[in-house]
């Protein structure tokens, strides 16, 4: 299993970013996928999850209405569209699949600052 995140960067408050997670080594469409984030000095927290078909999603209260999780099963890629970003969204963002013992990507840094 390999998960590779991309799309992070520095953005001003109120701005937008789209993260991607390219997956390989497993049948992508068969698994729920998750985005987590970890801010400095804080525990890793679940941001959003999506079913294998993409028909069911769920979000942390802190990002509801601002973030959208989606997937393209033909490309084995997971996305996180982040709008109206706030400084408190600053964190390393990881994608995760619960296959076997679970697999994490290497993470992508998102910094929201003026």
Protein backbone atom coordinates (compact mmCIF):
# COMPACT_ATOMS: atom_id res chain seq x y z
CA UNK A 1 0.00 0.00 0.00
CA UNK A 2 1.26 3.46 -0.88
CA UNK A 3 -0.41 6.79 -0.20
CA UNK A 4 1.17 10.01 -1.47
CA UNK A 5 -0.30 13.38 -0.49
CA UNK A 6 0.24 16.62 -2.36
CA UNK A 7 -1.22 20.09 -2.66
CA UNK A 8 -0.28 21.65 0.64
CA UNK A 9 1.27 25.07 0.99
CA UNK A 10 1.02 28.54 2.48
CA UNK A 11 -2.30 30.34 2.07
CA UNK A 12 -3.84 33.46 3.55
CA UNK A 13 -6.87 33.26 5.84
CA UNK A 14 -10.01 32.91 3.76
CA UNK A 15 -8.13 31.21 0.95
CA UNK A 16 -8.51 27.75 -0.56
CA UNK A 17 -6.38 24.68 -1.22
CA UNK A 18 -7.08 21.28 -2.70
CA UNK A 19 -5.17 18.32 -1.34
CA UNK A 20 -4.72 15.09 -3.28
CA UNK A 21 -3.78 11.61 -2.15
CA UNK A 22 -2.65 9.17 -4.82
CA UNK A 23 -3.21 5.58 -3.74
CA UNK A 24 -1.73 2.35 -5.02
CA UNK A 25 -1.24 -1.26 -3.97
CA UNK A 26 -4.86 -2.03 -3.10
CA UNK A 27 -8.34 -1.94 -4.60
CA UNK A 28 -9.01 1.72 -3.93
CA UNK A 29 -12.75 1.66 -4.58
CA UNK A 30 -13.30 -1.04 -1.96
CA UNK A 31 -12.20 1.04 1.02
CA UNK A 32 -13.35 3.98 3.05
CA UNK A 33 -10.71 6.71 2.95
CA UNK A 34 -9.95 9.31 5.59
CA UNK A 35 -8.17 12.63 5.94
CA UNK A 36 -6.53 13.38 9.28
CA UNK A 37 -4.53 16.38 10.43
CA UNK A 38 -2.04 17.05 13.18
CA UNK A 39 -1.18 20.51 14.41
CA UNK A 40 2.00 21.20 16.41
CA UNK A 41 1.62 20.00 19.98
CA UNK A 42 -1.77 18.43 19.32
CA UNK A 43 -3.05 14.94 18.71
CA UNK A 44 -3.87 13.75 15.22
CA UNK A 45 -7.56 14.30 14.51
CA UNK A 46 -9.99 12.96 11.93
CA UNK A 47 -11.05 15.63 9.45
CA UNK A 48 -13.27 13.76 6.99
CA UNK A 49 -14.06 10.32 5.65
CA UNK A 50 -15.69 8.95 2.52
CA UNK A 51 -17.12 5.58 1.57
CA UNK A 52 -15.71 3.45 -1.20
CA UNK A 53 -18.34 4.56 -3.68
CA UNK A 54 -18.11 8.18 -2.60
CA UNK A 55 -21.79 8.21 -1.71
CA UNK A 56 -21.32 8.73 2.01
CA UNK A 57 -19.19 11.35 3.71
CA UNK A 58 -18.68 12.66 7.22
CA UNK A 59 -16.83 15.66 8.62
CA UNK A 60 -15.43 16.99 11.85
CA UNK A 61 -17.59 19.81 13.21
CA UNK A 62 -14.67 22.20 12.88
CA UNK A 63 -14.59 21.86 9.07
CA UNK A 64 -18.24 21.27 8.16
CA UNK A 65 -19.40 23.62 5.45
CA UNK A 66 -15.82 24.58 4.52
CA UNK A 67 -14.14 21.32 3.49
CA UNK A 68 -15.28 18.75 0.94
CA UNK A 69 -13.89 15.23 0.66
CA UNK A 70 -14.20 13.44 -2.66
CA UNK A 71 -12.60 10.63 -4.62
CA UNK A 72 -11.97 9.52 -8.17
CA UNK A 73 -11.92 5.74 -8.16
CA UNK A 74 -10.80 5.63 -11.79
CA UNK A 75 -7.63 7.49 -10.79
CA UNK A 76 -7.31 5.93 -7.31
CA UNK A 77 -7.10 9.43 -5.89
CA UNK A 78 -8.62 11.04 -2.82
CA UNK A 79 -9.19 14.78 -2.55
CA UNK A 80 -9.85 17.36 0.13
CA UNK A 81 -11.12 20.74 -1.05
CA UNK A 82 -10.53 23.28 1.69
CA UNK A 83 -12.24 26.66 1.49
CA UNK A 84 -12.48 29.60 3.88
CA UNK A 85 -9.28 28.47 5.55
CA UNK A 86 -8.51 29.67 9.06
CA UNK A 87 -5.21 29.89 10.95
CA UNK A 88 -6.42 27.01 13.14
CA UNK A 89 -6.49 24.78 10.06
CA UNK A 90 -2.68 24.90 10.03
CA UNK A 91 -1.44 21.33 10.32
CA UNK A 92 0.11 18.42 8.51
CA UNK A 93 -2.65 16.63 6.60
CA UNK A 94 -2.54 12.87 6.10
CA UNK A 95 -4.63 10.41 4.16
CA UNK A 96 -5.32 7.04 5.71
CA UNK A 97 -6.79 3.71 4.71
CA UNK A 98 -7.83 1.05 7.20
CA UNK A 99 -6.48 -1.92 5.31
CA UNK A 100 -4.79 -4.55 7.45
CA UNK A 101 -3.01 -2.65 10.19
CA UNK A 102 -3.76 0.64 8.47
CA UNK A 103 -1.59 2.78 6.21
CA UNK A 104 -0.68 6.47 6.30
CA UNK A 105 0.75 8.78 3.72
CA UNK A 106 3.78 10.94 4.48
CA UNK A 107 1.65 14.05 5.00
CA UNK A 108 1.48 17.48 3.40
CA UNK A 109 1.91 20.74 5.30
CA UNK A 110 -0.87 23.32 5.22
CA UNK A 111 -0.09 26.71 6.71
CA UNK A 112 -2.76 29.40 6.96
CA UNK A 113 -1.22 32.73 7.78
CA UNK A 114 -1.22 36.34 6.68
